[in-house]
């Protein structure tokens, strides 16, 4: 908290005074500054480095980069064309307009690091071994967590969450097959996992 308060004056207030027309975001010691040209980006990067030295800090030599926000309309070859901020990786991605036209845009989606971390947590749940629990008890335990993930990371490019949600579903199908012997068949377990209909295999489970 103290470091955040320090940077509020050492960085945020300084940027507002020195570059009032340059937008930026900062969370703790991680910041993104939006520039209109490479020349402006190089100038502001040097100015920020000087400012950090004035207050006894320094920029990370490898994490501080100038990133070209390349999309379908921007051409050229650059060393860095993506960056990660607050668990999202921003890079060129396929997109679709409201009229259904496909194009390439510079968009955020859950980062590989965040996806790997969440997948590790799901694996540690060991859902397929929690056969003493009912499906309602499992839902009560994991739904608030999964809902939080989808609300945060699903705010942008929700389809990037499909591998994660598919993995959770796979663990739940394994749970069904272990809990109910008559549903050990993968086909029957999948039929049970789908929304139940009258006469479905789940009605008497």
Protein backbone atom coordinates (compact mmCIF):
# COMPACT_ATOMS: atom_id res chain seq x y z
CA UNK A 1 0.00 0.00 0.00
CA UNK A 2 2.85 2.37 0.84
CA UNK A 3 4.51 1.65 -2.52
CA UNK A 4 1.22 2.35 -4.29
CA UNK A 5 0.81 5.66 -2.47
CA UNK A 6 4.41 6.57 -3.28
CA UNK A 7 3.90 5.95 -7.00
CA UNK A 8 0.65 7.90 -6.92
CA UNK A 9 2.75 11.03 -6.43
CA UNK A 10 6.07 9.91 -7.94
CA UNK A 11 4.51 8.68 -11.20
CA UNK A 12 0.78 9.40 -11.60
CA UNK A 13 0.87 13.05 -10.54
CA UNK A 14 4.12 13.61 -12.43
CA UNK A 15 2.64 12.17 -15.66
CA UNK A 16 -0.44 14.38 -15.25
CA UNK A 17 1.80 17.45 -14.95
CA UNK A 18 4.37 16.63 -17.62
CA UNK A 19 2.22 14.79 -20.18
CA UNK A 20 -1.43 15.73 -19.57
CA UNK A 21 -2.50 14.57 -23.05
CA UNK A 22 -0.88 11.10 -22.77
CA UNK A 23 -3.24 8.46 -21.29
CA UNK A 24 -1.86 5.71 -19.06
CA UNK A 25 -2.93 3.01 -16.63
CA UNK A 26 -1.04 1.84 -13.57
CA UNK A 27 -1.61 -0.98 -11.10
CA UNK A 28 0.99 -1.11 -8.30
CA UNK A 29 4.35 -0.98 -10.10
CA UNK A 30 3.01 -2.10 -13.49
CA UNK A 31 2.00 0.61 -15.96
CA UNK A 32 1.02 1.04 -19.61
CA UNK A 33 1.49 4.39 -21.37
CA UNK A 34 -0.29 5.01 -24.69
CA UNK A 35 1.71 6.92 -27.29
CA UNK A 36 0.78 8.03 -30.81
CA UNK A 37 4.17 7.34 -32.39
CA UNK A 38 7.41 5.44 -31.80
CA UNK A 39 9.25 8.73 -31.46
CA UNK A 40 6.92 9.88 -28.69
CA UNK A 41 7.22 6.47 -26.98
CA UNK A 42 11.03 6.66 -26.97
CA UNK A 43 10.95 10.21 -25.57
CA UNK A 44 8.50 9.35 -22.78
CA UNK A 45 10.33 6.16 -21.89
CA UNK A 46 13.54 8.13 -21.40
CA UNK A 47 11.70 10.78 -19.38
CA UNK A 48 10.12 8.14 -17.13
CA UNK A 49 13.51 6.49 -16.60
CA UNK A 50 14.95 9.84 -15.49
CA UNK A 51 11.98 10.43 -13.22
CA UNK A 52 12.35 7.04 -11.56
CA UNK A 53 16.02 7.72 -10.88
CA UNK A 54 15.08 11.03 -9.27
CA UNK A 55 12.86 9.21 -6.76
CA UNK A 56 15.31 6.36 -6.13
CA UNK A 57 13.78 3.76 -8.47
CA UNK A 58 14.63 2.33 -11.88
CA UNK A 59 12.77 0.75 -14.75
CA UNK A 60 13.03 -3.01 -15.21
CA UNK A 61 15.56 -3.46 -18.05
CA UNK A 62 13.72 -6.30 -19.82
CA UNK A 63 10.08 -5.76 -18.85
CA UNK A 64 10.03 -2.11 -19.94
CA UNK A 65 9.39 -2.24 -23.68
CA UNK A 66 7.99 -0.21 -26.53
CA UNK A 67 5.22 -2.31 -28.07
CA UNK A 68 3.77 -1.75 -31.52
CA UNK A 69 0.01 -2.36 -31.37
CA UNK A 70 -0.14 -4.15 -34.68
CA UNK A 71 -3.47 -5.07 -36.25
CA UNK A 72 -4.83 -5.64 -39.74
CA UNK A 73 -4.56 -1.96 -40.66
CA UNK A 74 -1.03 -1.36 -39.34
CA UNK A 75 1.93 -2.62 -41.35
CA UNK A 76 5.62 -3.02 -40.66
CA UNK A 77 7.88 -5.30 -38.68
CA UNK A 78 8.68 -4.56 -35.03
CA UNK A 79 10.46 -6.42 -32.26
CA UNK A 80 7.58 -6.31 -29.77
CA UNK A 81 3.94 -6.62 -30.85
CA UNK A 82 2.28 -7.81 -27.64
CA UNK A 83 2.29 -7.14 -23.91
CA UNK A 84 0.70 -8.57 -20.76
CA UNK A 85 -1.07 -6.43 -18.16
CA UNK A 86 -3.24 -7.53 -15.22
CA UNK A 87 -3.50 -11.10 -16.46
CA UNK A 88 -4.42 -10.17 -20.04
CA UNK A 89 -2.20 -10.45 -23.10
CA UNK A 90 -2.81 -7.75 -25.69
CA UNK A 91 -1.94 -8.74 -29.27
CA UNK A 92 -3.35 -9.05 -32.77
CA UNK A 93 -6.39 -11.35 -32.79
CA UNK A 94 -9.14 -12.35 -35.15
CA UNK A 95 -12.30 -10.31 -34.67
CA UNK A 96 -15.72 -9.91 -36.23
CA UNK A 97 -17.66 -6.70 -36.81
CA UNK A 98 -21.31 -6.27 -35.87
CA UNK A 99 -22.10 -6.95 -39.52
CA UNK A 100 -20.23 -10.27 -39.46
CA UNK A 101 -17.13 -9.10 -41.33
CA UNK A 102 -13.86 -10.69 -40.17
CA UNK A 103 -10.79 -8.56 -39.50
CA UNK A 104 -7.67 -8.43 -37.31
CA UNK A 105 -7.71 -6.20 -34.24
CA UNK A 106 -5.38 -5.55 -31.29
CA UNK A 107 -7.30 -7.17 -28.43
CA UNK A 108 -6.81 -8.50 -24.88
CA UNK A 109 -7.46 -12.07 -23.74
CA UNK A 110 -6.49 -14.12 -20.72
CA UNK A 111 -2.71 -14.56 -20.69
CA UNK A 112 -0.96 -17.92 -20.97
CA UNK A 113 0.48 -17.42 -17.48
CA UNK A 114 -2.93 -16.73 -15.93
CA UNK A 115 -4.49 -19.68 -17.75
CA UNK A 116 -1.72 -21.98 -16.54
CA UNK A 117 -2.10 -20.77 -12.95
CA UNK A 118 -5.87 -21.27 -12.96
CA UNK A 119 -5.55 -24.70 -14.60
CA UNK A 120 -3.18 -25.72 -11.80
CA UNK A 121 -5.76 -24.70 -9.22
CA UNK A 122 -8.48 -26.69 -11.00
CA UNK A 123 -6.19 -29.71 -11.04
CA UNK A 124 -5.61 -29.37 -7.29
CA UNK A 125 -9.37 -29.52 -6.70
CA UNK A 126 -9.25 -33.22 -7.74
CA UNK A 127 -12.93 -33.07 -8.58
CA UNK A 128 -13.00 -36.57 -10.03
CA UNK A 129 -12.10 -38.00 -6.61
CA UNK A 130 -14.76 -36.17 -4.62
CA UNK A 131 -17.34 -38.90 -5.07
CA UNK A 132 -18.75 -38.63 -1.51
CA UNK A 133 -20.12 -35.19 -2.47
CA UNK A 134 -23.29 -34.51 -4.42
CA UNK A 135 -23.22 -32.43 -7.58
CA UNK A 136 -24.95 -29.67 -5.63
CA UNK A 137 -22.19 -29.65 -3.01
CA UNK A 138 -19.52 -29.51 -5.68
CA UNK A 139 -21.35 -26.67 -7.44
CA UNK A 140 -21.55 -24.74 -4.15
CA UNK A 141 -17.79 -25.05 -3.74
CA UNK A 142 -16.58 -24.21 -7.25
CA UNK A 143 -19.30 -22.03 -8.81
CA UNK A 144 -18.33 -18.78 -7.02
CA UNK A 145 -14.70 -19.29 -8.05
CA UNK A 146 -15.45 -20.16 -11.68
CA UNK A 147 -17.96 -17.30 -11.87
CA UNK A 148 -15.27 -14.90 -10.67
CA UNK A 149 -12.84 -16.13 -13.31
CA UNK A 150 -15.37 -15.85 -16.12
CA UNK A 151 -16.54 -12.41 -15.04
CA UNK A 152 -13.00 -11.05 -14.93
CA UNK A 153 -11.19 -12.86 -17.75
CA UNK A 154 -14.33 -13.27 -19.84
CA UNK A 155 -14.78 -9.51 -20.11
CA UNK A 156 -12.59 -9.65 -23.23
CA UNK A 157 -12.32 -12.40 -25.83
CA UNK A 158 -14.38 -14.88 -23.84
CA UNK A 159 -13.60 -17.76 -26.23
CA UNK A 160 -10.05 -17.89 -24.82
CA UNK A 161 -11.59 -19.40 -21.66
CA UNK A 162 -12.97 -22.41 -23.55
CA UNK A 163 -9.97 -24.69 -22.82
CA UNK A 164 -10.30 -23.96 -19.10
CA UNK A 165 -14.06 -24.54 -18.96
CA UNK A 166 -13.66 -27.67 -21.06
CA UNK A 167 -11.13 -29.00 -18.55
CA UNK A 168 -13.52 -28.41 -15.66
CA UNK A 169 -16.29 -30.20 -17.56
CA UNK A 170 -13.95 -33.13 -18.23
CA UNK A 171 -13.22 -33.49 -14.50
CA UNK A 172 -16.95 -33.43 -13.74
CA UNK A 173 -17.64 -36.13 -16.31
CA UNK A 174 -14.93 -38.25 -14.67
CA UNK A 175 -16.64 -37.58 -11.32
CA UNK A 176 -19.96 -38.87 -12.73
CA UNK A 177 -18.31 -42.02 -14.07
CA UNK A 178 -16.67 -42.75 -10.71
CA UNK A 179 -19.70 -41.95 -8.56
CA UNK A 180 -22.31 -43.90 -10.54
CA UNK A 181 -21.26 -47.35 -11.68
CA UNK A 182 -24.06 -47.56 -14.23
CA UNK A 183 -22.67 -44.40 -15.84
CA UNK A 184 -19.12 -45.65 -16.25
CA UNK A 185 -19.62 -45.58 -20.00
CA UNK A 186 -18.34 -42.30 -21.39
CA UNK A 187 -21.39 -41.98 -23.63
CA UNK A 188 -23.80 -42.39 -20.71
CA UNK A 189 -21.80 -40.01 -18.53
CA UNK A 190 -21.87 -37.36 -21.25
CA UNK A 191 -25.60 -37.84 -21.68
CA UNK A 192 -26.00 -37.30 -17.94
CA UNK A 193 -23.85 -34.19 -18.00
CA UNK A 194 -25.97 -32.49 -20.66
CA UNK A 195 -29.09 -30.58 -19.50
CA UNK A 196 -31.51 -33.28 -18.28
CA UNK A 197 -34.64 -34.00 -20.29
CA UNK A 198 -37.64 -36.16 -19.50
CA UNK A 199 -36.63 -39.76 -19.63
CA UNK A 200 -32.90 -38.98 -19.47
CA UNK A 201 -30.44 -41.26 -17.75
CA UNK A 202 -29.93 -38.70 -14.95
CA UNK A 203 -33.47 -38.66 -13.60
CA UNK A 204 -33.02 -41.63 -11.30
CA UNK A 205 -29.32 -41.14 -10.51
